[in-house]
Every structure is written in C-alpha cells, then in structure tokens.
Protein backbone atom coordinates (compact mmCIF):
# COMPACT_ATOMS: atom_id res chain seq x y z
CA MET A 1 7.94 25.26 -38.37
CA ARG A 2 4.62 23.54 -37.89
CA THR A 3 5.02 21.43 -40.79
CA VAL A 4 8.82 20.30 -39.77
CA ARG A 5 7.34 19.25 -36.28
CA ARG A 6 4.49 17.44 -37.78
CA LEU A 7 6.92 15.68 -39.87
CA LEU A 8 9.32 14.60 -37.62
CA TYR A 9 6.94 13.67 -34.83
CA ARG A 10 4.84 11.52 -37.13
CA ASP A 11 7.86 9.81 -38.78
CA ILE A 12 9.38 9.12 -35.67
CA VAL A 13 5.95 8.39 -33.35
CA GLY A 14 5.18 5.76 -36.36
CA SER A 15 9.12 3.75 -36.07
CA VAL A 16 8.86 3.70 -32.55
CA GLY A 17 5.25 2.01 -32.29
CA PHE A 18 6.64 -0.15 -34.65
CA VAL A 19 9.48 -1.45 -32.96
CA ALA A 20 7.94 -1.44 -29.85
CA ALA A 21 5.30 -3.99 -31.42
CA GLY A 22 7.88 -6.02 -32.52
CA PHE A 23 9.77 -6.25 -29.18
CA LEU A 24 6.30 -6.61 -27.85
CA ALA A 25 5.52 -9.89 -29.83
CA LEU A 26 8.70 -11.46 -29.69
CA PHE A 27 8.92 -10.89 -25.44
CA PHE A 28 5.14 -12.18 -25.50
CA PHE A 29 5.86 -15.47 -27.31
CA ILE A 30 9.18 -16.06 -24.94
CA ASP A 31 7.08 -15.52 -21.82
CA LEU A 32 4.50 -17.58 -23.01
CA VAL A 33 6.66 -20.48 -24.00
CA ASP A 34 8.32 -20.38 -20.77
CA LYS A 35 5.05 -20.80 -18.84
CA LEU A 36 4.11 -23.56 -20.83
CA ASP A 37 6.66 -26.08 -18.56
CA SER A 38 4.35 -25.11 -15.72
CA ILE A 39 1.15 -26.16 -16.93
CA GLY A 40 -0.62 -29.26 -14.77
CA ARG A 41 1.47 -27.84 -11.96
CA ARG A 42 -0.52 -26.40 -8.94
CA GLY A 43 -3.63 -26.42 -11.02
CA ARG A 44 -2.29 -24.20 -14.29
CA THR A 45 -3.73 -24.85 -17.54
CA THR A 46 -3.06 -23.37 -21.07
CA THR A 47 -5.43 -20.45 -20.26
CA THR A 48 -3.73 -19.89 -17.20
CA ALA A 49 -0.28 -19.26 -19.03
CA LEU A 50 -1.67 -17.43 -21.54
CA LEU A 51 -3.18 -14.81 -19.34
CA GLU A 52 -0.30 -14.38 -17.07
CA ALA A 53 1.64 -13.73 -20.49
CA LEU A 54 -0.86 -10.79 -21.04
CA PHE A 55 -0.76 -9.19 -17.90
CA GLU A 56 2.64 -9.48 -18.00
CA LEU A 57 2.95 -7.16 -21.47
CA PRO A 58 2.57 -3.66 -20.14
CA GLY A 59 5.52 -4.49 -17.62
CA ARG A 60 7.61 -5.29 -20.47
CA ALA A 61 6.01 -2.39 -22.56
CA TYR A 62 7.24 -0.16 -19.69
CA GLU A 63 10.93 -1.71 -19.60
CA LEU A 64 11.22 -1.58 -23.17
CA MET A 65 9.78 1.87 -23.88
CA PRO A 66 13.32 3.81 -23.63
CA ILE A 67 15.05 1.14 -26.15
CA ALA A 68 11.89 1.56 -28.33
CA VAL A 69 12.30 5.06 -28.44
CA LEU A 70 15.83 4.76 -29.04
CA ILE A 71 15.76 2.43 -31.79
CA GLY A 72 12.60 4.07 -33.54
CA ALA A 73 14.34 7.33 -33.37
CA ILE A 74 17.20 6.29 -35.01
CA PHE A 75 15.79 4.32 -37.51
CA SER A 76 14.12 7.57 -38.46
CA LEU A 77 16.67 10.30 -38.24
CA ALA A 78 19.12 7.76 -39.88
CA ARG A 79 16.78 7.44 -42.73
CA LEU A 80 15.95 10.81 -43.35
CA ALA A 81 19.84 11.56 -43.27
CA GLN A 82 20.56 9.03 -45.75
CA ASN A 83 17.77 10.31 -47.96
CA SER A 84 19.05 13.74 -47.99
CA GLU A 85 15.90 14.86 -46.14
CA PHE A 86 17.43 15.90 -42.76
CA THR A 87 19.85 18.10 -44.84
CA ILE A 88 17.11 19.68 -46.53
CA LEU A 89 15.75 20.67 -43.34
CA ARG A 90 18.69 22.10 -41.65
CA THR A 91 19.28 24.08 -44.78
CA GLY A 92 15.18 25.35 -44.42
CA GLY A 93 16.50 26.69 -41.09
CA LEU A 94 16.23 23.65 -38.62
CA GLY A 95 19.33 24.23 -36.63
CA PRO A 96 21.15 22.10 -33.97
CA ARG A 97 19.30 23.81 -31.04
CA ARG A 98 15.83 24.07 -32.51
CA ALA A 99 16.25 20.30 -33.52
CA LEU A 100 17.52 19.56 -29.79
CA VAL A 101 14.04 21.34 -28.37
CA LEU A 102 12.11 19.57 -31.05
CA LEU A 103 13.03 16.02 -29.84
CA ALA A 104 13.05 17.07 -26.36
CA TRP A 105 9.59 18.19 -26.52
CA LEU A 106 8.86 14.64 -28.10
CA GLY A 107 10.64 12.76 -25.55
CA MET A 108 8.69 14.32 -22.52
CA GLY A 109 5.98 13.20 -24.87
CA PHE A 110 7.09 9.44 -24.54
CA ALA A 111 8.40 10.03 -20.73
CA LEU A 112 4.56 10.70 -20.00
CA VAL A 113 3.19 7.49 -21.90
CA THR A 114 5.77 5.76 -19.99
CA PHE A 115 5.10 7.16 -16.51
CA VAL A 116 1.21 6.26 -16.88
CA ILE A 117 1.97 2.78 -18.33
CA GLY A 118 4.49 2.29 -14.92
CA ASP A 119 1.70 3.89 -12.59
CA ALA A 120 -1.20 3.05 -13.60
CA ILE A 121 -1.62 0.20 -15.97
CA VAL A 122 1.48 -2.32 -14.77
CA PRO A 123 0.45 -2.08 -11.11
CA ALA A 124 -3.35 -3.16 -12.19
CA ALA A 125 -1.88 -5.53 -14.44
CA GLU A 126 0.46 -6.85 -12.18
CA ARG A 127 -2.49 -7.55 -9.77
CA GLN A 128 -4.41 -9.49 -12.12
CA ALA A 129 -1.41 -11.88 -12.95
CA VAL A 130 -1.09 -12.49 -9.07
CA GLN A 131 -4.86 -13.32 -8.90
CA VAL A 132 -4.40 -15.28 -11.82
CA ARG A 133 -1.89 -17.68 -10.39
CA ALA A 134 -3.55 -17.25 -7.12
CA VAL A 135 -7.11 -18.39 -8.53
CA ALA A 136 -5.23 -21.31 -9.93
CA ALA A 137 -2.97 -22.36 -7.03
CA GLY A 138 -5.71 -21.37 -4.09
CA VAL A 139 -3.67 -18.95 -2.23
CA VAL A 140 -1.47 -16.07 -2.77
CA GLU A 141 2.25 -16.99 -1.59
CA PRO A 142 4.93 -14.03 -0.89
CA ALA A 143 8.21 -14.01 -3.36
CA ARG A 144 9.95 -14.75 -0.01
CA ALA A 145 9.75 -17.26 2.91
CA GLY A 146 6.62 -15.49 4.06
CA ALA A 147 5.99 -12.04 4.67
CA TRP A 148 7.30 -10.11 8.05
CA LEU A 149 5.90 -7.31 9.29
CA ARG A 150 6.15 -4.83 12.15
CA ASP A 151 4.41 -2.70 14.35
CA ARG A 152 4.37 -1.04 17.86
CA ARG A 153 1.38 -0.30 20.38
CA ARG A 154 1.15 0.97 24.17
CA GLU A 155 -0.31 -1.60 26.48
CA ASP A 156 -0.72 -1.09 30.33
CA GLY A 157 1.68 2.07 30.30
CA ARG A 158 4.36 0.30 28.00
CA GLU A 159 5.85 -0.34 24.65
CA ILE A 160 4.86 -3.07 22.73
CA ALA A 161 7.28 -4.46 19.69
CA VAL A 162 5.22 -6.74 17.32
CA SER A 163 6.52 -8.88 14.93
CA VAL A 164 4.16 -10.45 12.40
CA ASN A 165 5.05 -13.72 10.24
CA VAL A 166 1.90 -14.32 7.48
CA GLY A 167 2.91 -17.38 5.47
CA SER A 168 0.06 -16.78 2.77
CA ALA A 169 -2.94 -15.73 1.75
CA GLU A 170 -6.02 -17.04 0.11
CA VAL A 171 -7.83 -14.94 -2.74
CA ASP A 172 -10.63 -13.78 -0.78
CA GLY A 173 -8.20 -12.08 1.49
CA THR A 174 -7.58 -14.25 4.66
CA LEU A 175 -4.34 -14.59 5.88
CA ARG A 176 -3.10 -18.47 6.49
CA ASP A 177 -0.56 -19.46 8.95
CA LEU A 178 0.26 -16.38 11.44
CA ARG A 179 2.87 -15.80 13.71
CA ILE A 180 2.78 -12.87 15.92
CA PHE A 181 5.86 -12.11 18.70
CA GLU A 182 5.22 -9.23 20.90
CA PHE A 183 8.00 -8.06 22.80
CA ASP A 184 8.42 -5.53 26.03
CA ASP A 185 10.33 -2.51 26.04
CA THR A 186 13.33 -4.57 27.51
CA GLY A 187 13.43 -6.90 24.36
CA ARG A 188 11.94 -9.92 26.09
CA LEU A 189 9.50 -12.05 24.53
CA VAL A 190 6.24 -11.48 26.35
CA ARG A 191 3.87 -13.51 24.20
CA ARG A 192 3.48 -15.36 21.32
CA ILE A 193 0.60 -15.89 19.31
CA GLY A 194 -0.09 -18.83 16.46
CA ALA A 195 -3.23 -18.71 14.42
CA GLU A 196 -4.23 -21.01 11.20
CA ARG A 197 -6.47 -18.03 9.48
CA GLY A 198 -6.86 -14.26 10.39
CA ARG A 199 -8.59 -11.57 8.56
CA VAL A 200 -7.56 -7.82 8.77
CA GLY A 201 -10.37 -5.64 10.24
CA ASP A 202 -10.33 -2.12 11.39
CA GLY A 203 -7.95 -1.43 14.27
CA SER A 204 -7.67 -5.15 14.83
CA TRP A 205 -7.30 -8.50 13.24
CA GLU A 206 -9.89 -11.39 13.50
CA LEU A 207 -8.13 -14.96 14.09
CA GLN A 208 -9.20 -18.04 14.11
CA ALA A 209 -8.10 -21.46 15.68
CA ALA A 210 -5.47 -19.48 17.78
CA GLN A 211 -3.04 -20.70 20.17
CA THR A 212 -1.51 -18.00 22.66
CA LEU A 213 1.87 -18.58 24.51
CA ALA A 214 2.26 -15.84 27.07
CA TRP A 215 5.03 -15.26 29.98
CA PRO A 216 3.49 -12.87 32.51
CA THR A 217 6.12 -10.79 34.54
CA THR A 218 5.66 -9.28 37.86
CA ALA A 219 6.08 -6.04 39.44
CA ASP A 220 9.76 -6.31 39.94
CA GLY A 221 10.34 -7.93 36.50
CA SER A 222 10.39 -11.24 37.23
CA ARG A 223 8.44 -14.08 35.47
CA VAL A 224 5.57 -16.09 36.59
CA GLN A 225 4.08 -19.54 35.39
CA LEU A 226 4.08 -19.85 31.56
CA GLU A 227 -0.20 -19.34 30.29
CA LEU A 228 -1.02 -21.09 27.42
CA ARG A 229 -4.37 -20.44 25.84
CA HIS A 230 -6.61 -21.49 22.75
CA ASP A 231 -9.50 -19.35 21.09
CA GLU A 232 -11.28 -20.56 18.17
CA HIS A 233 -11.66 -16.45 17.30
CA LEU A 234 -9.31 -13.97 18.89
CA ALA A 235 -9.41 -10.49 18.53
CA TRP A 236 -5.68 -9.05 17.98
CA PRO A 237 -5.51 -5.29 18.45
CA THR A 238 -3.22 -3.79 15.95
CA GLY A 239 -2.34 -0.89 13.49
CA LEU A 240 -1.57 -2.94 10.26
CA GLY A 241 -3.71 -2.35 7.85
CA ALA A 242 -4.61 -3.67 4.69
CA GLY A 243 -2.51 -1.48 2.78
CA VAL A 244 0.31 -2.33 4.49
CA VAL A 245 -0.55 -6.13 4.73
CA ALA A 246 -1.09 -6.27 0.58
CA ALA A 247 2.04 -4.44 0.05
CA ALA A 248 4.35 -7.07 2.26
CA LEU A 249 2.56 -10.23 0.74
CA MET A 250 2.35 -8.91 -3.00
CA PRO A 251 5.37 -8.06 -5.50
CA ASP A 252 6.55 -4.63 -5.25
CA GLU A 253 5.71 -4.34 -9.23
CA THR A 254 1.76 -4.32 -7.92
CA MET A 255 2.35 -0.90 -5.94
CA THR A 256 2.21 2.28 -7.58
CA THR A 257 4.67 4.90 -6.97
CA LEU A 258 2.65 6.44 -4.05
CA ALA A 259 2.15 3.24 -2.27
CA LEU A 260 5.97 2.51 -2.80
CA TRP A 261 6.72 5.59 -1.26
CA ARG A 262 4.06 4.91 1.31
CA TYR A 263 5.28 1.49 2.07
CA ALA A 264 9.03 2.58 2.18
CA SER A 265 7.46 5.51 4.96
CA HIS A 266 6.28 2.81 7.01
CA LEU A 267 9.28 0.46 6.77
CA GLU A 268 11.31 3.38 8.06
CA GLN A 269 9.06 4.34 10.98
CA GLN A 270 9.06 0.59 11.99
CA GLN A 271 12.64 0.34 11.91
CA GLN A 272 13.09 -2.09 8.94
CA THR A 273 15.01 -2.27 6.01
CA SER A 274 13.58 -0.33 3.07
CA GLN A 275 16.34 0.45 0.82
CA ARG A 276 14.92 -2.11 -2.14
CA GLN A 277 11.59 -0.20 -1.76
CA GLN A 278 13.18 3.50 -1.81
CA GLN A 279 15.44 2.24 -4.57
CA MET A 280 12.11 0.96 -6.71
CA PHE A 281 10.30 4.45 -5.88
CA TRP A 282 13.46 6.35 -7.29
CA ARG A 283 13.98 4.37 -10.20
CA ARG A 284 10.01 4.38 -11.00
CA ALA A 285 10.68 8.45 -10.88
CA PHE A 286 13.77 8.38 -13.15
CA TYR A 287 13.04 5.96 -15.51
CA PRO A 288 10.65 7.68 -17.89
CA LEU A 289 12.76 10.40 -17.96
CA SER A 290 15.24 7.79 -19.95
CA CYS A 291 12.91 8.84 -22.86
CA ILE A 292 14.32 12.31 -23.20
CA VAL A 293 18.02 11.18 -23.03
CA MET A 294 17.36 8.48 -25.61
CA MET A 295 15.74 10.70 -28.42
CA ALA A 296 18.90 13.09 -27.19
CA LEU A 297 21.28 10.12 -27.89
CA ALA A 298 19.74 9.60 -31.25
CA LEU A 299 19.81 13.04 -32.46
CA PRO A 300 23.64 12.73 -33.28
CA PHE A 301 23.24 10.12 -36.12
CA ALA A 302 21.00 12.39 -38.16
CA TYR A 303 24.30 14.40 -38.50
CA LEU A 304 26.11 11.07 -39.37
CA HIS A 305 26.81 11.73 -43.54
CA ALA A 306 25.33 8.33 -45.27
CA ARG A 307 28.60 7.37 -46.31
CA ALA A 308 29.50 6.79 -42.40
CA GLY A 309 27.28 3.64 -42.94
CA GLY A 310 24.12 2.60 -43.47
CA VAL A 311 20.44 2.56 -41.50
CA SER A 312 20.70 -0.98 -40.64
CA LEU A 313 24.22 -0.35 -39.21
CA LYS A 314 22.71 2.75 -37.24
CA VAL A 315 20.13 0.89 -35.85
CA PHE A 316 22.43 -1.64 -34.61
CA GLY A 317 24.47 0.87 -33.06
CA GLY A 318 21.70 1.83 -31.46
CA ILE A 319 20.47 -1.65 -30.36
CA MET A 320 24.24 -1.82 -28.55
CA LEU A 321 23.56 1.51 -26.95
CA GLY A 322 20.35 0.44 -25.47
CA ILE A 323 21.47 -3.13 -24.42
CA ALA A 324 24.28 -0.96 -22.73
CA PHE A 325 21.89 1.48 -21.24
CA VAL A 326 19.54 -1.70 -19.72
CA LEU A 327 22.88 -3.55 -18.27
CA LEU A 328 24.49 -0.35 -16.36
CA ASN A 329 20.98 0.47 -15.24
CA ASN A 330 20.55 -3.05 -13.84
CA ILE A 331 24.22 -3.29 -12.30
CA ALA A 332 23.93 0.19 -11.20
CA GLY A 333 20.53 -1.05 -8.84
CA HIS A 334 22.47 -4.33 -7.63
CA LEU A 335 25.75 -2.23 -6.63
CA GLY A 336 23.39 0.48 -4.91
CA LEU A 337 21.88 -2.59 -2.90
CA LEU A 338 25.08 -3.97 -2.05
CA ALA A 339 27.49 -0.77 -1.44
CA GLU A 340 24.30 0.90 0.65
CA LEU A 341 24.46 4.04 -1.83
CA GLU A 342 21.87 6.78 -1.86
CA PRO A 343 18.93 5.32 -3.98
CA TRP A 344 17.93 8.33 -5.79
CA LEU A 345 21.79 8.82 -6.92
CA VAL A 346 21.83 5.13 -8.21
CA SER A 347 18.51 5.77 -10.13
CA ALA A 348 19.55 8.79 -11.77
CA ALA A 349 23.55 8.13 -12.35
CA PRO A 350 22.40 5.90 -15.57
CA GLY A 351 20.47 8.56 -17.04
CA LEU A 352 22.56 11.40 -16.37
CA LEU A 353 26.00 9.11 -17.85
CA PHE A 354 24.12 9.00 -21.39
CA LEU A 355 22.70 12.44 -21.47
CA LEU A 356 26.40 13.48 -21.14
CA LEU A 357 27.34 10.90 -23.62
CA SER A 358 24.62 12.41 -26.16
CA LEU A 359 25.25 15.95 -25.60
CA GLY A 360 28.78 15.02 -25.99
CA ALA A 361 28.36 13.54 -29.09
CA PHE A 362 26.28 16.30 -30.38
CA ALA A 363 28.47 18.90 -30.02
CA TRP A 364 31.29 17.70 -31.45
CA LEU A 365 29.34 16.43 -34.51
CA VAL A 366 27.44 19.82 -35.09
CA ARG A 367 31.12 21.41 -34.34
CA TYR A 368 33.63 19.03 -36.24
CA ARG A 369 31.33 17.68 -38.76
C-alpha cells in the first residue's frame, strides 16, 4: 500500500503543481496588464505595478488552490484510468473505501497548505502591496470614504459614546483628517474635535492642530454657551489601539484569521455591524477544507471507463465544476450579506453541497458501473 500511496501522491501533486503554476502565470499577466493603465497616476511607475502584481500572487494562489486541486486530480486520475493503471491498482486490492481514504489524506495536506498560504503569506503580502501603493501615493486611503471607529469611556460619572472618522493615514502611521464626535448617555452631541493629524499612543491619541467644539450642560441638563478651543497639541483619551485602527484602515485581506475574529468581536462590542468580517472569518476557516471536497469530487473520474471520454473532456468537466464551485461560493457570500444569514452556514454550504454531490456520484459509479 505504501507503493500505491507513493504512486498516487506523486502523480497528483505533480499535476496540481503544474495546474497551479499555469493559473498563477496567467493571472499574473492579467493583473500586470490591468495595472499598467494606472502608470503615471498617483506616483505609480512600472516598478510599482510589477511589485503590486507580485504581492497579489499569494492571494491568487489561495483563491485558485481548490480549483487547481480539482483539475490536477482529475487529470491525474483520468490519465491513470485511461492507461488502465488504475484498473490494475483496483485489481491489486485498492478498493473504493481505501482509495477514498488515501485521497482524503492527500486533500488534508492540500488543505493545510492552503490554510498556511491564506493565514500567513497572504496577509503579509497584502500589507506589502498596500505599502507599495502608499509609498507611491504618499498616503494610505481606506477602501471606503474614510474609516469609522467607535469607542466608549466613562467621564465625570457618565458614559460617553465616541465616533471617530479617519480620512487617511501616512506611511509612517500618522493619521490625517480626523473627526471625533462624543455623545452623552442621552444621545446628545457634547463635543466635536477636528484635527489635521494624529498619532495613536498608549491609552490616548496625540492630535495636532486640533479644533474643539464643546456644548457644556448644567446640572439640570440645560446647555450653556458654546465653547471653541484651538490646540496645537492635544492628548485625547481613548481605548482605541493601533491594532483596531489598522484593521479599520487596511483591507480585510491584510488580517489573519485570528485578527479578523478579534476585530469582529470589537465591532460587536461597540454595537457596529460585523457581518462582513464574520463571514470572511468563517470563509477563511472553511475554504481550505474545500481541497478535501475537490479530491472527493475528482475520485469518480477514475472509475469512468476510457470510452466515456478522453482525458481532455474530463479535464474540461473538472474546469466547469471548479467554476461552478467558485460561482456558488461568491453568490452564497453576497446572498448571506443581503439576507443576513448565519455567516458560518453561508460559508459551509457550498462545500457541503459539492461534498454530497461527489459522494453520491462516487457511490453510484462503484455500485452500478
């Protein structure tokens, strides 16, 4: 059985690696051509476009890994079946259950590789890509119209709710175009702070060129005269640390799985919507397991007779299945956000559906073919 395992694993891993390399080369060329249009704008050069395309390759590898596993496994198993090698293996004692177990272990290996790529390599590469764009443009701009953060603190025996808008950030971590709104426990605006620049410190932010508008209230709750103050340097107390600010400013792809969970928990504590971050967390958790599903989906192709179609036709069928999986995965994510479904269920549904499909096809082929 060790010889059979070595034969299958070597052939399948080689095919998957070949397919993955082909896909990465194709998408690198497409991304590079797409980025060449932006050369000359916002300080971008040919080197910037080349570096951005290179740093986006790990993300492409993460997205394409299940499809590469499916196509590579189908190509390898269909070729073994066409050459009657798989028939010889079956005659030598490779039963359906044992074949399924062998491929499941190989799928776990691919799943582990996919998880490492998505949780360690992709966030680091995305941060480098953001830094390359920031160095070229001079600032880090959020994907949305500014980044909004919320915080709560106790002041003079009452709870203050804080909403912060950060316009952009410089490469050295300096925040720009800050707007801070503070509300009392009745929901009334008590203070507005605007600052040109600011830096995140330990327990407070150091604001520069700050303008403070305050609406003081008396003991009976009535408001008194508006106060206006200008400060060249102002220490603003807050519990918002550098990690939360970076998570709000940077794309979600730059965060690890654990960082996504912590950021989603922070948003929930501040009564902000966190469904997008939760769905991305569960997608990160379930997506590597798709490699196991793809291996199970490829196994039935080994039991198809050579007269049922050549290797090229079976590989084409595998490509169509891979496209269907990616399409269903993306549609499920958007529908989950629109219908506010459970994020873990939305993320797990495509994989479970294709797993049932593969096991059903495998059982039918073994029983009736």
